[in-house]
Amino acid sequence: MAGEEVGPTVLTTVSDGVVLIRVRGAVDDWAGPAELVDALTAAADGGEQRTVVDLSGVDFADSAALHALLHGRRKHEKAGIPLVVAGPLSVNVHRLFEVTGTLDAFRFADDVGTALAE
C-alpha cells in the first residue's frame, strides 16, 4: 500500500528454555531497532537458558541495529544468559559487523539449527 510504513518483523518464540527472535526485513534508524531492543530486553529478563537472534532474513542493517544488538548483548551478559546470532548473514549485515570491528563481540552460528543445538 502506498504510504504504508515498511519495517522489520520481529517475532519471538520460547521453546525448551530457548528464546528465538526472528528478524526479517531492514533494521535501520528509521524502522525496527526499538522492536529489537524490546525483544532482546524481554529475553534477557525472562530467565530462559539461551537467546538466539535469527538475522538470516535481514537484508539491511545499520548502526541502529548494531546498537540494539550490543544493548541486548550487555543485558544478556548481566543476566548470565548466552546470546547467539544466527545466520546465514547477508553480505550487507556481515559487512556491518566487519566494518565496525564487532565480529568478535558476538557469538555467531551458521544457522538457527546450529544455534539451537549448541
C-alpha atoms as a PDB file:
ATOM      1  CA  MET A   1       0.000   0.000   0.000  1.00  0.00           C
ATOM      2  CA  ALA A   2       1.221   3.473  -0.762  1.00  0.00           C
ATOM      3  CA  GLY A   3       2.319   5.388   2.310  1.00  0.00           C
ATOM      4  CA  GLU A   4       2.435   2.289   4.485  1.00  0.00           C
ATOM      5  CA  GLU A   5       5.494   2.180   6.729  1.00  0.00           C
ATOM      6  CA  VAL A   6       7.595  -0.871   5.969  1.00  0.00           C
ATOM      7  CA  GLY A   7       9.829  -2.040   8.764  1.00  0.00           C
ATOM      8  CA  PRO A   8      11.254  -5.268  10.029  1.00  0.00           C
ATOM      9  CA  THR A   9       9.223  -8.057  11.503  1.00  0.00           C
ATOM     10  CA  VAL A  10      10.424  -9.204  14.914  1.00  0.00           C
ATOM     11  CA  LEU A  11       8.853 -12.457  16.109  1.00  0.00           C
ATOM     12  CA  THR A  12       9.708 -14.094  19.415  1.00  0.00           C
ATOM     13  CA  THR A  13       9.050 -17.688  20.430  1.00  0.00           C
ATOM     14  CA  VAL A  14      10.097 -19.631  23.508  1.00  0.00           C
ATOM     15  CA  SER A  15      10.652 -23.375  23.473  1.00  0.00           C
ATOM     16  CA  ASP A  16      12.621 -25.679  25.766  1.00  0.00           C
ATOM     17  CA  GLY A  17      14.375 -22.823  27.558  1.00  0.00           C
ATOM     18  CA  VAL A  18      15.431 -21.033  24.370  1.00  0.00           C
ATOM     19  CA  VAL A  19      14.118 -17.691  23.189  1.00  0.00           C
ATOM     20  CA  LEU A  20      14.200 -17.417  19.399  1.00  0.00           C
ATOM     21  CA  ILE A  21      13.966 -13.892  17.999  1.00  0.00           C
ATOM     22  CA  ARG A  22      13.427 -13.918  14.230  1.00  0.00           C
ATOM     23  CA  VAL A  23      14.091 -10.620  12.484  1.00  0.00           C
ATOM     24  CA  ARG A  24      13.013 -10.044   8.877  1.00  0.00           C
ATOM     25  CA  GLY A  25      13.448  -7.063   6.560  1.00  0.00           C
ATOM     26  CA  ALA A  26      15.613  -3.987   7.083  1.00  0.00           C
ATOM     27  CA  VAL A  27      16.619  -2.804  10.537  1.00  0.00           C
ATOM     28  CA  ASP A  28      17.838   0.754  10.437  1.00  0.00           C
ATOM     29  CA  ASP A  29      17.488   4.118  12.080  1.00  0.00           C
ATOM     30  CA  TRP A  30      14.046   4.518  10.508  1.00  0.00           C
ATOM     31  CA  ALA A  31      12.465   1.205  11.434  1.00  0.00           C
ATOM     32  CA  GLY A  32      12.892  -1.625  13.842  1.00  0.00           C
ATOM     33  CA  PRO A  33      15.565  -1.023  16.419  1.00  0.00           C
ATOM     34  CA  ALA A  34      13.023  -0.334  19.182  1.00  0.00           C
ATOM     35  CA  GLU A  35      11.240  -3.640  18.466  1.00  0.00           C
ATOM     36  CA  LEU A  36      14.542  -5.476  18.547  1.00  0.00           C
ATOM     37  CA  VAL A  37      15.629  -3.782  21.787  1.00  0.00           C
ATOM     38  CA  ASP A  38      12.291  -4.677  23.386  1.00  0.00           C
ATOM     39  CA  ALA A  39      12.555  -8.320  22.275  1.00  0.00           C
ATOM     40  CA  LEU A  40      16.154  -8.642  23.480  1.00  0.00           C
ATOM     41  CA  THR A  41      15.374  -6.959  26.806  1.00  0.00           C
ATOM     42  CA  ALA A  42      12.389  -9.241  27.407  1.00  0.00           C
ATOM     43  CA  ALA A  43      14.546 -12.265  26.555  1.00  0.00           C
ATOM     44  CA  ALA A  44      17.300 -11.194  28.967  1.00  0.00           C
ATOM     45  CA  ASP A  45      14.754 -10.549  31.701  1.00  0.00           C
ATOM     46  CA  GLY A  46      12.814 -13.762  31.020  1.00  0.00           C
ATOM     47  CA  GLY A  47      15.185 -16.179  32.723  1.00  0.00           C
ATOM     48  CA  GLU A  48      15.420 -18.698  29.876  1.00  0.00           C
ATOM     49  CA  GLN A  49      18.644 -20.624  29.193  1.00  0.00           C
ATOM     50  CA  ARG A  50      19.658 -19.022  25.883  1.00  0.00           C
ATOM     51  CA  THR A  51      18.597 -16.464  23.300  1.00  0.00           C
ATOM     52  CA  VAL A  52      19.056 -16.929  19.561  1.00  0.00           C
ATOM     53  CA  VAL A  53      18.662 -13.942  17.234  1.00  0.00           C
ATOM     54  CA  ASP A  54      17.950 -15.120  13.698  1.00  0.00           C
ATOM     55  CA  LEU A  55      19.228 -12.485  11.268  1.00  0.00           C
ATOM     56  CA  SER A  56      19.034 -14.706   8.179  1.00  0.00           C
ATOM     57  CA  GLY A  57      16.040 -12.719   6.919  1.00  0.00           C
ATOM     58  CA  VAL A  58      17.617  -9.286   7.384  1.00  0.00           C
ATOM     59  CA  ASP A  59      18.729  -7.751   4.112  1.00  0.00           C
ATOM     60  CA  PHE A  60      19.989  -4.446   5.530  1.00  0.00           C
ATOM     61  CA  ALA A  61      21.068  -3.234   8.959  1.00  0.00           C
ATOM     62  CA  ASP A  62      22.799  -0.046  10.062  1.00  0.00           C
ATOM     63  CA  SER A  63      24.349   1.302  13.249  1.00  0.00           C
ATOM     64  CA  ALA A  64      20.926   1.491  14.940  1.00  0.00           C
ATOM     65  CA  ALA A  65      20.541  -2.272  14.519  1.00  0.00           C
ATOM     66  CA  LEU A  66      24.069  -2.825  15.791  1.00  0.00           C
ATOM     67  CA  HIS A  67      23.363  -0.597  18.791  1.00  0.00           C
ATOM     68  CA  ALA A  68      20.237  -2.657  19.560  1.00  0.00           C
ATOM     69  CA  LEU A  69      22.236  -5.890  19.371  1.00  0.00           C
ATOM     70  CA  LEU A  70      25.051  -4.511  21.558  1.00  0.00           C
ATOM     71  CA  HIS A  71      22.478  -3.336  24.100  1.00  0.00           C
ATOM     72  CA  GLY A  72      20.943  -6.816  24.068  1.00  0.00           C
ATOM     73  CA  ARG A  73      24.351  -8.412  24.487  1.00  0.00           C
ATOM     74  CA  ARG A  74      25.053  -6.289  27.587  1.00  0.00           C
ATOM     75  CA  LYS A  75      21.660  -7.189  29.082  1.00  0.00           C
ATOM     76  CA  HIS A  76      22.287 -10.882  28.408  1.00  0.00           C
ATOM     77  CA  GLU A  77      25.794 -10.777  29.899  1.00  0.00           C
ATOM     78  CA  LYS A  78      24.430  -9.116  33.022  1.00  0.00           C
ATOM     79  CA  ALA A  79      21.737 -11.817  33.295  1.00  0.00           C
ATOM     80  CA  GLY A  80      24.230 -14.628  32.599  1.00  0.00           C
ATOM     81  CA  ILE A  81      22.274 -15.805  29.536  1.00  0.00           C
ATOM     82  CA  PRO A  82      24.126 -16.704  26.318  1.00  0.00           C
ATOM     83  CA  LEU A  83      23.136 -14.699  23.227  1.00  0.00           C
ATOM     84  CA  VAL A  84      23.773 -16.283  19.832  1.00  0.00           C
ATOM     85  CA  VAL A  85      23.388 -14.507  16.480  1.00  0.00           C
ATOM     86  CA  ALA A  86      22.327 -16.918  13.739  1.00  0.00           C
ATOM     87  CA  GLY A  87      22.718 -16.561  10.001  1.00  0.00           C
ATOM     88  CA  PRO A  88      23.429 -17.048   7.309  1.00  0.00           C
ATOM     89  CA  LEU A  89      24.051 -13.317   7.257  1.00  0.00           C
ATOM     90  CA  SER A  90      23.513 -11.241   4.134  1.00  0.00           C
ATOM     91  CA  VAL A  91      26.601  -9.551   2.720  1.00  0.00           C
ATOM     92  CA  ASN A  92      25.327  -6.177   3.994  1.00  0.00           C
ATOM     93  CA  VAL A  93      24.761  -7.421   7.543  1.00  0.00           C
ATOM     94  CA  HIS A  94      28.090  -9.257   7.679  1.00  0.00           C
ATOM     95  CA  ARG A  95      29.814  -6.118   6.410  1.00  0.00           C
ATOM     96  CA  LEU A  96      28.245  -4.095   9.258  1.00  0.00           C
ATOM     97  CA  PHE A  97      29.877  -6.369  11.850  1.00  0.00           C
ATOM     98  CA  GLU A  98      33.139  -6.447   9.890  1.00  0.00           C
ATOM     99  CA  VAL A  99      33.489  -2.690   9.305  1.00  0.00           C
ATOM    100  CA  THR A 100      32.607  -1.824  12.904  1.00  0.00           C
ATOM    101  CA  GLY A 101      35.006  -4.396  14.349  1.00  0.00           C
ATOM    102  CA  THR A 102      32.220  -6.159  16.251  1.00  0.00           C
ATOM    103  CA  LEU A 103      32.560  -9.656  14.785  1.00  0.00           C
ATOM    104  CA  ASP A 104      34.310 -10.733  17.994  1.00  0.00           C
ATOM    105  CA  ALA A 105      31.671  -9.082  20.180  1.00  0.00           C
ATOM    106  CA  PHE A 106      29.055 -11.735  19.361  1.00  0.00           C
ATOM    107  CA  ARG A 107      28.746 -15.478  19.304  1.00  0.00           C
ATOM    108  CA  PHE A 108      27.693 -16.450  15.772  1.00  0.00           C
ATOM    109  CA  ALA A 109      26.143 -19.636  14.417  1.00  0.00           C
ATOM    110  CA  ASP A 110      25.875 -20.522  10.743  1.00  0.00           C
ATOM    111  CA  ASP A 111      22.114 -21.065  11.023  1.00  0.00           C
ATOM    112  CA  VAL A 112      19.274 -21.347  13.524  1.00  0.00           C
ATOM    113  CA  GLY A 113      19.504 -25.135  13.707  1.00  0.00           C
ATOM    114  CA  THR A 114      23.153 -24.933  14.761  1.00  0.00           C
ATOM    115  CA  ALA A 115      22.398 -22.175  17.276  1.00  0.00           C
ATOM    116  CA  LEU A 116      19.575 -24.185  18.834  1.00  0.00           C
ATOM    117  CA  ALA A 117      21.756 -27.290  19.105  1.00  0.00           C
ATOM    118  CA  GLU A 118      24.579 -25.536  20.986  1.00  0.00           C
END
